[in-house]
PDB file of N, CA and C in Angstrom:
ATOM      1  N   MET A   1      36.660  15.517  18.409  1.00  0.00           N
ATOM      2  CA  MET A   1      35.459  16.311  18.526  1.00  0.00           C
ATOM      3  C   MET A   1      35.128  16.209  17.253  1.00  0.00           C
ATOM      4  N   VAL A   2      34.504  16.469  16.799  1.00  0.00           N
ATOM      5  CA  VAL A   2      34.254  16.765  14.801  1.00  0.00           C
ATOM      6  C   VAL A   2      33.858  17.931  14.714  1.00  0.00           C
ATOM      7  N   GLU A   3      34.454  19.228  14.333  1.00  0.00           N
ATOM      8  CA  GLU A   3      33.923  20.479  13.581  1.00  0.00           C
ATOM      9  C   GLU A   3      33.677  20.542  12.113  1.00  0.00           C
ATOM     10  N   VAL A   4      32.257  20.816  11.731  1.00  0.00           N
ATOM     11  CA  VAL A   4      32.467  21.310  10.434  1.00  0.00           C
ATOM     12  C   VAL A   4      32.609  22.930  10.371  1.00  0.00           C
ATOM     13  N   ASP A   5      33.363  23.192   9.224  1.00  0.00           N
ATOM     14  CA  ASP A   5      33.893  24.449   8.975  1.00  0.00           C
ATOM     15  C   ASP A   5      32.630  25.408   7.950  1.00  0.00           C
ATOM     16  N   GLY A   6      33.001  25.715   7.633  1.00  0.00           N
ATOM     17  CA  GLY A   6      31.620  26.888   6.584  1.00  0.00           C
ATOM     18  C   GLY A   6      32.202  27.563   5.963  1.00  0.00           C
ATOM     19  N   ASP A   7      31.794  28.513   5.640  1.00  0.00           N
ATOM     20  CA  ASP A   7      32.153  30.285   5.211  1.00  0.00           C
ATOM     21  C   ASP A   7      33.075  31.146   5.933  1.00  0.00           C
ATOM     22  N   LEU A   8      32.224  31.191   7.113  1.00  0.00           N
ATOM     23  CA  LEU A   8      32.755  31.590   8.597  1.00  0.00           C
ATOM     24  C   LEU A   8      34.036  31.811   8.846  1.00  0.00           C
ATOM     25  N   HIS A   9      34.358  30.610   8.383  1.00  0.00           N
ATOM     26  CA  HIS A   9      35.585  29.638   9.171  1.00  0.00           C
ATOM     27  C   HIS A   9      36.638  30.153   7.798  1.00  0.00           C
ATOM     28  N   GLU A  10      36.686  30.973   7.379  1.00  0.00           N
ATOM     29  CA  GLU A  10      37.418  31.276   5.989  1.00  0.00           C
ATOM     30  C   GLU A  10      38.128  32.705   6.322  1.00  0.00           C
ATOM     31  N   THR A  11      37.681  33.790   7.119  1.00  0.00           N
ATOM     32  CA  THR A  11      37.361  35.019   7.485  1.00  0.00           C
ATOM     33  C   THR A  11      38.839  35.187   7.856  1.00  0.00           C
ATOM     34  N   GLU A  12      39.234  35.961   8.526  1.00  0.00           N
ATOM     35  CA  GLU A  12      40.459  36.319   9.421  1.00  0.00           C
ATOM     36  C   GLU A  12      39.495  36.555  10.971  1.00  0.00           C
ATOM     37  N   ALA A  13      38.669  36.846  10.818  1.00  0.00           N
ATOM     38  CA  ALA A  13      38.372  36.779  12.479  1.00  0.00           C
ATOM     39  C   ALA A  13      38.405  35.317  12.617  1.00  0.00           C
ATOM     40  N   GLY A  14      37.589  34.781  12.002  1.00  0.00           N
ATOM     41  CA  GLY A  14      37.138  32.870  11.920  1.00  0.00           C
ATOM     42  C   GLY A  14      38.305  32.510  12.048  1.00  0.00           C
ATOM     43  N   LYS A  15      39.405  32.763  11.311  1.00  0.00           N
ATOM     44  CA  LYS A  15      40.577  31.758  11.951  1.00  0.00           C
ATOM     45  C   LYS A  15      41.272  32.176  12.651  1.00  0.00           C
ATOM     46  N   ARG A  16      41.351  33.340  13.586  1.00  0.00           N
ATOM     47  CA  ARG A  16      41.678  33.689  14.953  1.00  0.00           C
ATOM     48  C   ARG A  16      41.138  32.649  16.063  1.00  0.00           C
ATOM     49  N   HIS A  17      39.410  32.711  15.979  1.00  0.00           N
ATOM     50  CA  HIS A  17      38.756  32.286  16.921  1.00  0.00           C
ATOM     51  C   HIS A  17      38.904  30.983  16.792  1.00  0.00           C
ATOM     52  N   ASP A  18      39.068  30.113  15.397  1.00  0.00           N
ATOM     53  CA  ASP A  18      39.565  28.942  15.325  1.00  0.00           C
ATOM     54  C   ASP A  18      40.429  28.645  16.010  1.00  0.00           C
ATOM     55  N   ALA A  19      41.504  29.914  15.596  1.00  0.00           N
ATOM     56  CA  ALA A  19      43.400  29.013  16.233  1.00  0.00           C
ATOM     57  C   ALA A  19      42.656  29.097  17.611  1.00  0.00           C
ATOM     58  N   ASN A  20      42.703  29.995  18.254  1.00  0.00           N
ATOM     59  CA  ASN A  20      42.181  30.104  19.726  1.00  0.00           C
ATOM     60  C   ASN A  20      41.408  29.047  20.423  1.00  0.00           C
ATOM     61  N   ARG A  21      40.750  28.825  20.287  1.00  0.00           N
ATOM     62  CA  ARG A  21      39.851  27.374  20.409  1.00  0.00           C
ATOM     63  C   ARG A  21      40.855  26.170  19.754  1.00  0.00           C
ATOM     64  N   TYR A  22      40.623  26.045  19.015  1.00  0.00           N
ATOM     65  CA  TYR A  22      41.873  25.185  19.116  1.00  0.00           C
ATOM     66  C   TYR A  22      42.863  24.614  19.977  1.00  0.00           C
ATOM     67  N   SER A  23      43.413  25.923  20.087  1.00  0.00           N
ATOM     68  CA  SER A  23      44.441  26.026  20.973  1.00  0.00           C
ATOM     69  C   SER A  23      44.442  25.389  22.624  1.00  0.00           C
ATOM     70  N   TYR A  24      43.194  26.114  22.799  1.00  0.00           N
ATOM     71  CA  TYR A  24      42.817  26.050  24.266  1.00  0.00           C
ATOM     72  C   TYR A  24      42.109  24.232  24.364  1.00  0.00           C
ATOM     73  N   LEU A  25      41.394  23.768  23.897  1.00  0.00           N
ATOM     74  CA  LEU A  25      41.005  21.962  23.223  1.00  0.00           C
ATOM     75  C   LEU A  25      42.430  21.419  23.189  1.00  0.00           C
ATOM     76  N   ARG A  26      43.054  22.273  22.785  1.00  0.00           N
ATOM     77  CA  ARG A  26      43.995  20.886  22.465  1.00  0.00           C
ATOM     78  C   ARG A  26      44.651  21.260  23.661  1.00  0.00           C
ATOM     79  N   SER A  27      44.478  21.726  24.815  1.00  0.00           N
ATOM     80  CA  SER A  27      45.416  22.023  26.122  1.00  0.00           C
ATOM     81  C   SER A  27      44.925  21.239  27.289  1.00  0.00           C
ATOM     82  N   LEU A  28      43.396  21.458  26.639  1.00  0.00           N
ATOM     83  CA  LEU A  28      43.094  19.962  27.506  1.00  0.00           C
ATOM     84  C   LEU A  28      43.016  19.051  27.309  1.00  0.00           C
ATOM     85  N   GLY A  29      43.510  18.366  26.226  1.00  0.00           N
ATOM     86  CA  GLY A  29      43.684  16.984  25.946  1.00  0.00           C
ATOM     87  C   GLY A  29      42.690  16.326  24.371  1.00  0.00           C
ATOM     88  N   TYR A  30      41.840  17.095  24.000  1.00  0.00           N
ATOM     89  CA  TYR A  30      40.646  16.952  23.332  1.00  0.00           C
ATOM     90  C   TYR A  30      41.629  16.736  21.698  1.00  0.00           C
ATOM     91  N   VAL A  31      41.525  15.722  20.748  1.00  0.00           N
ATOM     92  CA  VAL A  31      41.417  15.726  19.339  1.00  0.00           C
ATOM     93  C   VAL A  31      40.360  16.492  18.276  1.00  0.00           C
ATOM     94  N   ILE A  32      41.174  17.017  17.615  1.00  0.00           N
ATOM     95  CA  ILE A  32      39.760  18.348  17.227  1.00  0.00           C
ATOM     96  C   ILE A  32      39.246  17.788  15.536  1.00  0.00           C
ATOM     97  N   LEU A  33      39.116  17.305  14.934  1.00  0.00           N
ATOM     98  CA  LEU A  33      38.578  17.190  13.477  1.00  0.00           C
ATOM     99  C   LEU A  33      38.224  18.316  12.719  1.00  0.00           C
ATOM    100  N   ARG A  34      39.044  18.739  11.850  1.00  0.00           N
ATOM    101  CA  ARG A  34      37.778  20.237  11.183  1.00  0.00           C
ATOM    102  C   ARG A  34      38.038  19.354   9.827  1.00  0.00           C
ATOM    103  N   ILE A  35      36.452  19.182   9.451  1.00  0.00           N
ATOM    104  CA  ILE A  35      36.363  19.291   8.118  1.00  0.00           C
ATOM    105  C   ILE A  35      35.465  20.350   7.538  1.00  0.00           C
ATOM    106  N   ASP A  36      35.595  20.266   6.421  1.00  0.00           N
ATOM    107  CA  ASP A  36      35.188  21.867   5.344  1.00  0.00           C
ATOM    108  C   ASP A  36      33.849  21.058   4.728  1.00  0.00           C
ATOM    109  N   GLU A  37      32.635  21.987   5.216  1.00  0.00           N
ATOM    110  CA  GLU A  37      30.768  21.312   4.840  1.00  0.00           C
ATOM    111  C   GLU A  37      31.015  21.977   3.218  1.00  0.00           C
ATOM    112  N   PRO A  38      31.791  21.610   2.401  1.00  0.00           N
ATOM    113  CA  PRO A  38      31.620  20.985   1.148  1.00  0.00           C
ATOM    114  C   PRO A  38      31.747  19.675   1.047  1.00  0.00           C
ATOM    115  N   ASP A  39      32.518  19.802   1.804  1.00  0.00           N
ATOM    116  CA  ASP A  39      33.461  17.799   2.403  1.00  0.00           C
ATOM    117  C   ASP A  39      32.374  16.757   2.482  1.00  0.00           C
ATOM    118  N   VAL A  40      31.196  17.234   4.019  1.00  0.00           N
ATOM    119  CA  VAL A  40      30.074  17.011   4.823  1.00  0.00           C
ATOM    120  C   VAL A  40      29.305  16.726   3.033  1.00  0.00           C
ATOM    121  N   ILE A  41      29.051  17.228   2.525  1.00  0.00           N
ATOM    122  CA  ILE A  41      27.980  17.865   1.452  1.00  0.00           C
ATOM    123  C   ILE A  41      28.164  16.426   0.348  1.00  0.00           C
ATOM    124  N   ASN A  42      29.682  16.412   0.120  1.00  0.00           N
ATOM    125  CA  ASN A  42      29.534  16.137  -1.278  1.00  0.00           C
ATOM    126  C   ASN A  42      30.298  14.595  -1.220  1.00  0.00           C
ATOM    127  N   SER A  43      30.156  14.501  -0.150  1.00  0.00           N
ATOM    128  CA  SER A  43      30.869  13.338   0.216  1.00  0.00           C
ATOM    129  C   SER A  43      31.225  12.502   1.860  1.00  0.00           C
ATOM    130  N   ALA A  44      29.573  12.356   1.717  1.00  0.00           N
ATOM    131  CA  ALA A  44      29.271  12.425   3.588  1.00  0.00           C
ATOM    132  C   ALA A  44      30.343  11.000   4.220  1.00  0.00           C
ATOM    133  N   TRP A  45      29.676   9.783   2.788  1.00  0.00           N
ATOM    134  CA  TRP A  45      30.327   8.449   3.298  1.00  0.00           C
ATOM    135  C   TRP A  45      31.552   8.461   3.795  1.00  0.00           C
ATOM    136  N   HIS A  46      32.505   9.247   2.273  1.00  0.00           N
ATOM    137  CA  HIS A  46      33.709   9.261   2.574  1.00  0.00           C
ATOM    138  C   HIS A  46      34.666  10.253   4.236  1.00  0.00           C
ATOM    139  N   VAL A  47      33.728  11.116   4.780  1.00  0.00           N
ATOM    140  CA  VAL A  47      34.243  12.204   5.665  1.00  0.00           C
ATOM    141  C   VAL A  47      33.753  11.205   6.587  1.00  0.00           C
ATOM    142  N   ALA A  48      32.215  10.567   7.138  1.00  0.00           N
ATOM    143  CA  ALA A  48      32.514   9.416   8.301  1.00  0.00           C
ATOM    144  C   ALA A  48      33.558   8.078   8.066  1.00  0.00           C
ATOM    145  N   GLN A  49      33.425   7.456   7.146  1.00  0.00           N
ATOM    146  CA  GLN A  49      34.646   7.228   7.127  1.00  0.00           C
ATOM    147  C   GLN A  49      36.277   7.240   7.996  1.00  0.00           C
ATOM    148  N   PHE A  50      36.420   8.676   7.133  1.00  0.00           N
ATOM    149  CA  PHE A  50      37.700   9.155   7.947  1.00  0.00           C
ATOM    150  C   PHE A  50      37.246   9.070   9.485  1.00  0.00           C
ATOM    151  N   VAL A  51      36.088   9.928   9.880  1.00  0.00           N
ATOM    152  CA  VAL A  51      35.667  10.596  11.506  1.00  0.00           C
ATOM    153  C   VAL A  51      36.325   8.566  12.311  1.00  0.00           C
ATOM    154  N   LYS A  52      35.554   8.034  11.799  1.00  0.00           N
ATOM    155  CA  LYS A  52      35.799   6.870  12.537  1.00  0.00           C
ATOM    156  C   LYS A  52      37.063   5.603  12.546  1.00  0.00           C
ATOM    157  N   GLU A  53      37.849   6.047  11.745  1.00  0.00           N
ATOM    158  CA  GLU A  53      39.123   5.547  11.873  1.00  0.00           C
ATOM    159  C   GLU A  53      40.055   6.401  12.810  1.00  0.00           C
ATOM    160  N   LYS A  54      39.859   7.890  12.557  1.00  0.00           N
ATOM    161  CA  LYS A  54      40.181   8.397  13.694  1.00  0.00           C
ATOM    162  C   LYS A  54      39.807   8.382  15.652  1.00  0.00           C
ATOM    163  N   ALA A  55      39.081   8.439  15.547  1.00  0.00           N
ATOM    164  CA  ALA A  55      37.850   7.839  16.090  1.00  0.00           C
ATOM    165  C   ALA A  55      38.253   6.473  16.866  1.00  0.00           C
ATOM    166  N   GLU A  56      38.073   5.787  16.138  1.00  0.00           N
ATOM    167  CA  GLU A  56      38.948   4.424  16.815  1.00  0.00           C
ATOM    168  C   GLU A  56      40.266   4.032  17.087  1.00  0.00           C
ATOM    169  N   ARG A  57      41.608   4.945  16.805  1.00  0.00           N
ATOM    170  CA  ARG A  57      42.866   5.191  16.752  1.00  0.00           C
ATOM    171  C   ARG A  57      42.979   5.811  17.704  1.00  0.00           C
ATOM    172  N   VAL A  58      42.227   6.668  18.028  1.00  0.00           N
ATOM    173  CA  VAL A  58      42.326   7.950  19.519  1.00  0.00           C
ATOM    174  C   VAL A  58      41.633   6.711  20.356  1.00  0.00           C
ATOM    175  N   ALA A  59      40.755   5.879  20.199  1.00  0.00           N
ATOM    176  CA  ALA A  59      40.459   5.103  21.420  1.00  0.00           C
ATOM    177  C   ALA A  59      41.276   4.194  21.375  1.00  0.00           C
ATOM    178  N   GLY A  60      42.164   3.519  20.558  1.00  0.00           N
ATOM    179  CA  GLY A  60      43.288   2.759  21.226  1.00  0.00           C
ATOM    180  C   GLY A  60      44.275   2.848  21.615  1.00  0.00           C
ATOM    181  N   ASP A  61      44.430   4.190  22.108  1.00  0.00           N
ATOM    182  CA  ASP A  61      45.240   5.132  22.765  1.00  0.00           C
ATOM    183  C   ASP A  61      45.036   4.892  24.043  1.00  0.00           C
ATOM    184  N   PRO A  62      46.352   3.873  24.099  1.00  0.00           N
ATOM    185  CA  PRO A  62      45.752   3.719  25.974  1.00  0.00           C
ATOM    186  C   PRO A  62      46.699   4.374  26.934  1.00  0.00           C
ATOM    187  N   THR A  63      47.465   5.426  26.516  1.00  0.00           N
ATOM    188  CA  THR A  63      48.193   6.837  26.626  1.00  0.00           C
ATOM    189  C   THR A  63      47.505   8.229  26.714  1.00  0.00           C
ATOM    190  N   ARG A  64      46.012   7.508  26.316  1.00  0.00           N
ATOM    191  CA  ARG A  64      45.365   9.298  26.232  1.00  0.00           C
ATOM    192  C   ARG A  64      44.822   8.926  27.627  1.00  0.00           C
ATOM    193  N   PRO A  65      44.553  10.594  28.095  1.00  0.00           N
ATOM    194  CA  PRO A  65      43.878  10.460  29.503  1.00  0.00           C
ATOM    195  C   PRO A  65      42.123  10.739  28.611  1.00  0.00           C
ATOM    196  N   LEU A  66      41.358  10.491  29.838  1.00  0.00           N
ATOM    197  CA  LEU A  66      40.077  10.571  29.353  1.00  0.00           C
ATOM    198  C   LEU A  66      39.873  11.856  29.604  1.00  0.00           C
ATOM    199  N   ARG A  67      38.931  12.861  29.196  1.00  0.00           N
ATOM    200  CA  ARG A  67      38.431  14.618  29.006  1.00  0.00           C
ATOM    201  C   ARG A  67      36.920  14.684  30.013  1.00  0.00           C
ATOM    202  N   GLY A  68      36.427  15.509  30.466  1.00  0.00           N
ATOM    203  CA  GLY A  68      35.249  15.631  30.632  1.00  0.00           C
ATOM    204  C   GLY A  68      34.630  16.341  29.132  1.00  0.00           C
ATOM    205  N   HIS A  69      33.396  16.893  29.281  1.00  0.00           N
ATOM    206  CA  HIS A  69      32.557  17.597  27.530  1.00  0.00           C
ATOM    207  C   HIS A  69      33.856  18.760  27.381  1.00  0.00           C
ATOM    208  N   PRO A  70      33.843  19.116  26.563  1.00  0.00           N
ATOM    209  CA  PRO A  70      34.393  20.477  26.029  1.00  0.00           C
ATOM    210  C   PRO A  70      33.991  21.471  26.679  1.00  0.00           C
ATOM    211  N   PRO A  71      34.343  22.682  26.433  1.00  0.00           N
ATOM    212  CA  PRO A  71      33.605  23.780  26.956  1.00  0.00           C
ATOM    213  C   PRO A  71      32.897  24.785  25.793  1.00  0.00           C
ATOM    214  N   LEU A  72      31.901  25.265  25.681  1.00  0.00           N
ATOM    215  CA  LEU A  72      30.849  25.857  24.365  1.00  0.00           C
ATOM    216  C   LEU A  72      31.791  27.086  23.533  1.00  0.00           C
ATOM    217  N   LYS A  73      32.339  27.643  24.448  1.00  0.00           N
ATOM    218  CA  LYS A  73      33.502  28.733  23.484  1.00  0.00           C
ATOM    219  C   LYS A  73      34.793  28.730  24.345  1.00  0.00           C
ATOM    220  N   GLY A  74      35.876  28.399  23.820  1.00  0.00           N
ATOM    221  CA  GLY A  74      37.625  28.203  24.085  1.00  0.00           C
ATOM    222  C   GLY A  74      37.962  29.809  23.548  1.00  0.00           C
ATOM    223  N   GLU A  75      38.617  29.524  24.851  1.00  0.00           N
ATOM    224  CA  GLU A  75      39.861  30.219  24.981  1.00  0.00           C
ATOM    225  C   GLU A  75      41.071  29.811  25.017  1.00  0.00           C
ATOM    226  N   GLY A  76      42.557  30.692  24.734  1.00  0.00           N
ATOM    227  CA  GLY A  76      43.246  30.200  24.420  1.00  0.00           C
ATOM    228  C   GLY A  76      44.536  30.754  23.403  1.00  0.00           C
ATOM    229  N   ASP A  77      45.354  30.213  23.141  1.00  0.00           N
ATOM    230  CA  ASP A  77      46.592  30.941  22.199  1.00  0.00           C
ATOM    231  C   ASP A  77      46.548  30.022  20.948  1.00  0.00           C
ATOM    232  N   ALA A  78      46.886  31.015  19.718  1.00  0.00           N
ATOM    233  CA  ALA A  78      46.610  30.306  18.104  1.00  0.00           C
ATOM    234  C   ALA A  78      47.316  28.912  18.406  1.00  0.00           C
ATOM    235  N   GLY A  79      46.463  28.388  17.363  1.00  0.00           N
ATOM    236  CA  GLY A  79      47.123  26.732  16.943  1.00  0.00           C
ATOM    237  C   GLY A  79      46.845  26.535  15.208  1.00  0.00           C
ATOM    238  N   ALA A  80      47.441  25.511  15.267  1.00  0.00           N
ATOM    239  CA  ALA A  80      46.797  24.639  13.805  1.00  0.00           C
ATOM    240  C   ALA A  80      45.709  23.678  14.272  1.00  0.00           C
ATOM    241  N   ALA A  81      44.733  23.319  13.358  1.00  0.00           N
ATOM    242  CA  ALA A  81      44.167  22.080  13.239  1.00  0.00           C
ATOM    243  C   ALA A  81      44.125  21.008  12.109  1.00  0.00           C
ATOM    244  N   GLU A  82      43.617  20.026  12.809  1.00  0.00           N
ATOM    245  CA  GLU A  82      44.362  19.011  11.251  1.00  0.00           C
ATOM    246  C   GLU A  82      42.907  19.524  10.588  1.00  0.00           C
ATOM    247  N   GLU A  83      43.352  18.595   9.764  1.00  0.00           N
ATOM    248  CA  GLU A  83      41.879  18.897   8.209  1.00  0.00           C
ATOM    249  C   GLU A  83      41.938  17.632   7.495  1.00  0.00           C
ATOM    250  N   ILE A  84      40.457  17.713   6.815  1.00  0.00           N
ATOM    251  CA  ILE A  84      41.148  17.143   5.937  1.00  0.00           C
ATOM    252  C   ILE A  84      41.170  17.354   4.038  1.00  0.00           C
ATOM    253  N   ALA A  85      42.262  16.542   3.766  1.00  0.00           N
ATOM    254  CA  ALA A  85      42.731  17.219   2.538  1.00  0.00           C
ATOM    255  C   ALA A  85      41.865  16.802   1.333  1.00  0.00           C
TER     256      ALA A  85
END
């Protein structure tokens, strides 16, 4: 799953919401790629390559269980997300 984070994700409330949602989705077996909005705007090609490479690695993992579509609203414990540096 790819999520693009804008300014709202930098607020304390946004960070708490993201941490809860991330933890919940991870508990269901999802891999979440969090990308900052400016990276998408300024380096779309590099972001696309990063997403492609990550998706290929995840798809090639035979131990990874298949899951259905994620929920629209996430709930769960706090956690940290993987981000583009």
